[in-house]
C-alpha atoms as a PDB file:
ATOM      1  CA  LEU A   1      42.779 -47.407  24.013  1.00  0.00           C
ATOM      2  CA  LYS A   2      39.823 -49.278  22.903  1.00  0.00           C
ATOM      3  CA  GLN A   3      37.380 -47.068  25.263  1.00  0.00           C
ATOM      4  CA  VAL A   4      39.427 -43.502  24.204  1.00  0.00           C
ATOM      5  CA  THR A   5      38.649 -44.671  20.596  1.00  0.00           C
ATOM      6  CA  LYS A   6      35.070 -45.298  21.437  1.00  0.00           C
ATOM      7  CA  PHE A   7      34.643 -41.928  23.285  1.00  0.00           C
ATOM      8  CA  LEU A   8      35.852 -40.260  20.644  1.00  0.00           C
ATOM      9  CA  TYR A   9      33.787 -41.642  18.284  1.00  0.00           C
ATOM     10  CA  LEU A  10      30.580 -40.544  20.092  1.00  0.00           C
ATOM     11  CA  PHE A  11      32.147 -37.044  20.485  1.00  0.00           C
ATOM     12  CA  PHE A  12      32.869 -36.808  17.065  1.00  0.00           C
ATOM     13  CA  ILE A  13      29.940 -38.077  14.817  1.00  0.00           C
ATOM     14  CA  LYS A  14      26.728 -35.883  14.740  1.00  0.00           C
ATOM     15  CA  MET A  15      24.086 -38.222  15.856  1.00  0.00           C
ATOM     16  CA  LYS A  16      20.845 -37.766  13.291  1.00  0.00           C
ATOM     17  CA  LEU A  17      18.354 -35.006  14.977  1.00  0.00           C
ATOM     18  CA  GLN A  18      14.872 -35.497  13.184  1.00  0.00           C
ATOM     19  CA  LEU A  19      12.089 -32.856  13.517  1.00  0.00           C
ATOM     20  CA  CYS A  20       8.661 -33.500  14.656  1.00  0.00           C
ATOM     21  CA  HIS A  21       6.141 -33.638  11.891  1.00  0.00           C
ATOM     22  CA  TYR A  22       3.803 -31.331  13.880  1.00  0.00           C
ATOM     23  CA  SER A  23       5.278 -28.942  16.317  1.00  0.00           C
ATOM     24  CA  GLY A  24       8.884 -28.745  13.702  1.00  0.00           C
ATOM     25  CA  TYR A  25      11.015 -28.606  17.201  1.00  0.00           C
ATOM     26  CA  LYS A  26      14.411 -31.237  17.002  1.00  0.00           C
ATOM     27  CA  ILE A  27      14.033 -34.686  18.425  1.00  0.00           C
ATOM     28  CA  HIS A  28      17.155 -36.228  19.634  1.00  0.00           C
ATOM     29  CA  PRO A  29      18.053 -39.770  19.498  1.00  0.00           C
ATOM     30  CA  GLY A  30      16.163 -41.642  21.956  1.00  0.00           C
ATOM     31  CA  HIS A  31      13.721 -39.397  22.402  1.00  0.00           C
ATOM     32  CA  GLY A  32       9.706 -39.450  20.341  1.00  0.00           C
ATOM     33  CA  LYS A  33       7.332 -41.139  19.111  1.00  0.00           C
ATOM     34  CA  THR A  34       6.769 -42.683  15.396  1.00  0.00           C
ATOM     35  CA  MET A  35       3.279 -43.464  14.488  1.00  0.00           C
ATOM     36  CA  VAL A  36       2.743 -45.465  10.703  1.00  0.00           C
ATOM     37  CA  ARG A  37      -0.824 -45.176   9.215  1.00  0.00           C
ATOM     38  CA  VAL A  38      -2.414 -47.903   7.606  1.00  0.00           C
ATOM     39  CA  ASP A  39      -1.018 -46.409   4.113  1.00  0.00           C
ATOM     40  CA  GLY A  40       2.082 -46.774   5.216  1.00  0.00           C
ATOM     41  CA  LYS A  41       3.338 -42.566   5.998  1.00  0.00           C
ATOM     42  CA  SER A  42       4.779 -42.228   8.992  1.00  0.00           C
ATOM     43  CA  PHE A  43       4.998 -39.392  11.292  1.00  0.00           C
ATOM     44  CA  ILE A  44       7.240 -38.586  14.249  1.00  0.00           C
ATOM     45  CA  PHE A  45       6.590 -36.885  16.951  1.00  0.00           C
ATOM     46  CA  LEU A  46       8.549 -35.095  19.815  1.00  0.00           C
ATOM     47  CA  ASN A  47       5.775 -36.002  22.738  1.00  0.00           C
ATOM     48  CA  GLY A  48       2.386 -36.941  23.172  1.00  0.00           C
ATOM     49  CA  LYS A  49       1.156 -33.731  23.258  1.00  0.00           C
ATOM     50  CA  CYS A  50       2.141 -33.153  19.685  1.00  0.00           C
ATOM     51  CA  GLU A  51       0.979 -36.715  18.842  1.00  0.00           C
ATOM     52  CA  LYS A  52      -2.747 -35.994  20.106  1.00  0.00           C
ATOM     53  CA  SER A  53      -2.690 -32.728  18.662  1.00  0.00           C
ATOM     54  CA  HIS A  54      -2.271 -34.381  14.752  1.00  0.00           C
ATOM     55  CA  LYS A  55      -4.961 -37.404  15.994  1.00  0.00           C
ATOM     56  CA  MET A  56      -7.552 -34.357  16.786  1.00  0.00           C
ATOM     57  CA  LYS A  57      -6.534 -32.727  13.622  1.00  0.00           C
ATOM     58  CA  ARG A  58      -5.613 -29.644  14.536  1.00  0.00           C
ATOM     59  CA  ASN A  59      -3.468 -27.166  12.236  1.00  0.00           C
ATOM     60  CA  PRO A  60      -0.028 -26.495  13.623  1.00  0.00           C
ATOM     61  CA  ARG A  61      -0.381 -22.909  11.638  1.00  0.00           C
ATOM     62  CA  GLU A  62      -2.954 -21.764  14.389  1.00  0.00           C
ATOM     63  CA  ILE A  63      -1.500 -23.531  17.660  1.00  0.00           C
ATOM     64  CA  THR A  64       0.916 -20.227  18.584  1.00  0.00           C
ATOM     65  CA  TRP A  65       3.984 -22.849  20.122  1.00  0.00           C
ATOM     66  CA  THR A  66       4.746 -24.877  16.724  1.00  0.00           C
ATOM     67  CA  VAL A  67       7.510 -23.683  14.474  1.00  0.00           C
ATOM     68  CA  LEU A  68       5.129 -23.341  11.607  1.00  0.00           C
ATOM     69  CA  TYR A  69       2.815 -20.673  13.397  1.00  0.00           C
ATOM     70  CA  ARG A  70       5.800 -19.079  14.240  1.00  0.00           C
ATOM     71  CA  ARG A  71       7.290 -18.940  10.258  1.00  0.00           C
ATOM     72  CA  LYS A  72       3.464 -17.791   9.452  1.00  0.00           C
ATOM     73  CA  HIS A  73       3.543 -14.839  11.769  1.00  0.00           C
ATOM     74  CA  LYS A  74       7.235 -13.794  11.472  1.00  0.00           C
ATOM     75  CA  LYS A  75       8.033 -14.178  15.334  1.00  0.00           C
ATOM     76  CA  GLY A  76      11.505 -14.273  16.102  1.00  0.00           C
ATOM     77  CA  MET A  77      12.485 -13.571  12.750  1.00  0.00           C
ATOM     78  CA  GLU A  78      14.628  -9.994  13.312  1.00  0.00           C
ATOM     79  CA  GLU A  79      18.442 -12.173  14.281  1.00  0.00           C
ATOM     80  CA  GLU A  80      18.084 -14.365  10.832  1.00  0.00           C
ATOM     81  CA  THR A  81      17.207 -11.681   8.346  1.00  0.00           C
ATOM     82  CA  SER A  82      18.843  -7.984   8.084  1.00  0.00           C
ATOM     83  CA  LYS A  83      16.943  -4.941   7.784  1.00  0.00           C
ATOM     84  CA  LYS A  84      15.933  -4.169   3.544  1.00  0.00           C
ATOM     85  CA  ARG A  85      17.800  -1.379   2.484  1.00  0.00           C
ATOM     86  CA  THR A  86      15.732   1.142   1.121  1.00  0.00           C
ATOM     87  CA  ARG A  87      16.310   2.113  -2.597  1.00  0.00           C
ATOM     88  CA  ARG A  88      17.000   5.996  -2.880  1.00  0.00           C
ATOM     89  CA  THR A  89      15.105   8.020  -5.658  1.00  0.00           C
ATOM     90  CA  THR A  90      17.105   9.568  -7.693  1.00  0.00           C
ATOM     91  CA  LYS A  91      16.078  12.903  -9.254  1.00  0.00           C
ATOM     92  CA  PHE A  92      15.778  12.695 -13.199  1.00  0.00           C
ATOM     93  CA  HIS A  93      14.637  15.521 -15.632  1.00  0.00           C
ATOM     94  CA  ARG A  94      12.486  14.139 -18.448  1.00  0.00           C
ATOM     95  CA  ALA A  95      10.364  16.577 -21.375  1.00  0.00           C
ATOM     96  CA  ILE A  96       7.203  17.224 -20.864  1.00  0.00           C
ATOM     97  CA  VAL A  97       4.481  16.914 -23.059  1.00  0.00           C
ATOM     98  CA  GLY A  98       4.287  20.645 -24.982  1.00  0.00           C
ATOM     99  CA  ALA A  99       7.622  21.515 -23.551  1.00  0.00           C
ATOM    100  CA  SER A 100      11.074  20.434 -24.128  1.00  0.00           C
ATOM    101  CA  ILE A 101      14.089  19.976 -21.537  1.00  0.00           C
ATOM    102  CA  THR A 102      16.069  23.199 -23.166  1.00  0.00           C
ATOM    103  CA  ASP A 103      12.749  25.607 -22.410  1.00  0.00           C
ATOM    104  CA  ILE A 104      11.658  24.025 -18.587  1.00  0.00           C
ATOM    105  CA  MET A 105      15.485  24.822 -17.863  1.00  0.00           C
ATOM    106  CA  ALA A 106      15.606  27.822 -18.982  1.00  0.00           C
ATOM    107  CA  LYS A 107      12.205  28.930 -17.122  1.00  0.00           C
ATOM    108  CA  ARG A 108      13.340  27.090 -14.027  1.00  0.00           C
ATOM    109  CA  ASN A 109      17.033  29.340 -14.491  1.00  0.00           C
ATOM    110  CA  MET A 110      14.825  32.480 -15.134  1.00  0.00           C
ATOM    111  CA  LYS A 111      15.002  35.237 -12.513  1.00  0.00           C
ATOM    112  CA  PRO A 112      11.068  34.871 -10.299  1.00  0.00           C
ATOM    113  CA  GLU A 113      10.317  39.105 -10.994  1.00  0.00           C
ATOM    114  CA  VAL A 114      10.714  37.760 -15.050  1.00  0.00           C
ATOM    115  CA  ARG A 115       8.440  34.818 -13.980  1.00  0.00           C
ATOM    116  CA  LYS A 116       5.951  36.518 -12.224  1.00  0.00           C
ATOM    117  CA  ALA A 117       5.752  39.598 -14.903  1.00  0.00           C
ATOM    118  CA  GLN A 118       5.533  36.980 -17.930  1.00  0.00           C
ATOM    119  CA  ARG A 119       2.589  35.241 -15.882  1.00  0.00           C
ATOM    120  CA  GLU A 120       0.755  38.183 -15.447  1.00  0.00           C
ATOM    121  CA  GLN A 121       1.517  39.203 -18.883  1.00  0.00           C
ATOM    122  CA  ALA A 122      -0.079  36.129 -20.055  1.00  0.00           C
ATOM    123  CA  ILE A 123      -3.111  36.216 -17.491  1.00  0.00           C
ATOM    124  CA  ARG A 124      -3.837  39.670 -19.165  1.00  0.00           C
ATOM    125  CA  ALA A 125      -3.995  38.171 -22.633  1.00  0.00           C
ATOM    126  CA  ALA A 126      -6.094  35.571 -22.265  1.00  0.00           C
ATOM    127  CA  LYS A 127      -8.593  37.563 -20.070  1.00  0.00           C
ATOM    128  CA  GLU A 128      -8.445  39.698 -23.017  1.00  0.00           C
ATOM    129  CA  LYS A 129      -9.247  37.308 -25.572  1.00  0.00           C
ATOM    130  CA  LYS A 130     -12.076  36.121 -23.400  1.00  0.00           C
ATOM    131  CA  MET A 131     -13.694  39.740 -23.324  1.00  0.00           C
ATOM    132  CA  ALA A 132     -13.110  39.914 -27.103  1.00  0.00           C
ATOM    133  CA  LYS A 133     -15.200  36.548 -27.752  1.00  0.00           C
ATOM    134  CA  GLN A 134     -17.991  37.748 -25.430  1.00  0.00           C
ATOM    135  CA  GLN A 135     -18.025  41.107 -26.926  1.00  0.00           C
ATOM    136  CA  LYS A 136     -18.577  39.127 -30.837  1.00  0.00           C
ATOM    137  CA  LYS A 137     -21.144  36.971 -29.316  1.00  0.00           C
ATOM    138  CA  ASN A 138     -23.504  39.612 -27.580  1.00  0.00           C
ATOM    139  CA  PRO A 139     -22.756  43.255 -28.515  1.00  0.00           C
ATOM    140  CA  ALA A 140     -23.366  46.040 -25.941  1.00  0.00           C
ATOM    141  CA  PRO A 141     -27.010  46.918 -25.093  1.00  0.00           C
ATOM    142  CA  THR A 142     -28.626  49.809 -26.046  1.00  0.00           C
ATOM    143  CA  LYS A 143     -30.252  52.370 -23.884  1.00  0.00           C
ATOM    144  CA  ALA A 144     -34.030  51.303 -24.586  1.00  0.00           C
ATOM    145  CA  LYS A 145     -33.337  47.589 -23.843  1.00  0.00           C
ATOM    146  CA  ALA A 146     -31.474  48.560 -20.752  1.00  0.00           C
ATOM    147  CA  LYS A 147     -34.122  50.792 -19.140  1.00  0.00           C
ATOM    148  CA  GLY A 148     -36.771  47.875 -20.092  1.00  0.00           C
ATOM    149  CA  SER A 149     -34.531  45.056 -18.436  1.00  0.00           C
ATOM    150  CA  GLN A 150     -34.569  46.604 -15.086  1.00  0.00           C
ATOM    151  CA  LYS A 151     -37.723  45.784 -13.598  1.00  0.00           C
ATOM    152  CA  ILE A 152     -38.815  45.836  -9.812  1.00  0.00           C
ATOM    153  CA  ALA A 153     -39.623  42.701  -8.049  1.00  0.00           C
ATOM    154  CA  LYS A 154     -42.361  42.487  -6.526  1.00  0.00           C
ATOM    155  CA  PRO A 155     -43.515  40.300  -3.254  1.00  0.00           C
ATOM    156  CA  MET A 156     -44.898  37.394  -3.897  1.00  0.00           C
ATOM    157  CA  PRO A 157     -47.499  36.280  -1.778  1.00  0.00           C
ATOM    158  CA  LYS A 158     -47.031  33.235   0.692  1.00  0.00           C
ATOM    159  CA  SER A 159     -49.415  30.897  -1.376  1.00  0.00           C
ATOM    160  CA  ALA A 160     -47.386  31.653  -5.384  1.00  0.00           C
ATOM    161  CA  ARG A 161     -43.657  30.660  -3.538  1.00  0.00           C
ATOM    162  CA  PRO A 162     -42.302  27.982  -5.875  1.00  0.00           C
ATOM    163  CA  GLY A 163     -41.783  25.060  -3.152  1.00  0.00           C
ATOM    164  CA  HIS A 164     -44.549  25.931  -0.892  1.00  0.00           C
ATOM    165  CA  GLY A 165     -47.499  24.520  -2.344  1.00  0.00           C
ATOM    166  CA  GLY A 166     -50.862  24.412  -0.378  1.00  0.00           C
ATOM    167  CA  ARG A 167     -52.726  21.540   0.618  1.00  0.00           C
ATOM    168  CA  ARG A 168     -51.205  17.865   0.164  1.00  0.00           C
END
């Protein structure tokens, strides 16, 4: 009876697992090595490899087989985390400066032929306005000016061409 209870005690009691200070692996009871520094801080290592690496001051985040490296570089995380859901964008109608929502919706529901005719009319009106402004700025030239303004360009000699100076 005593042996059976001892067996059950060992079977059901959880053994305390410790973590290696360097690699991050589990250390089962009876394994590993504890190092205590002069200042009193204790370090538990899984094996000599971890201990030597710690003593050589190697950064565990740069050593590929350590848990810290794998966490930093997101290795083996597929089974732990599910894929993030992407939010669907919802269409939202908002008024634009200078036009209300009702105006925008009215234009959208218009037939394409009507919209095209309106656009052409607006372009024509803008062109007429521009021409009127130009006419106001400088009136049509008279016939005398028209004759004098038409000069025949004479060919320039090579030395007088711009950008082709003589000696350097």
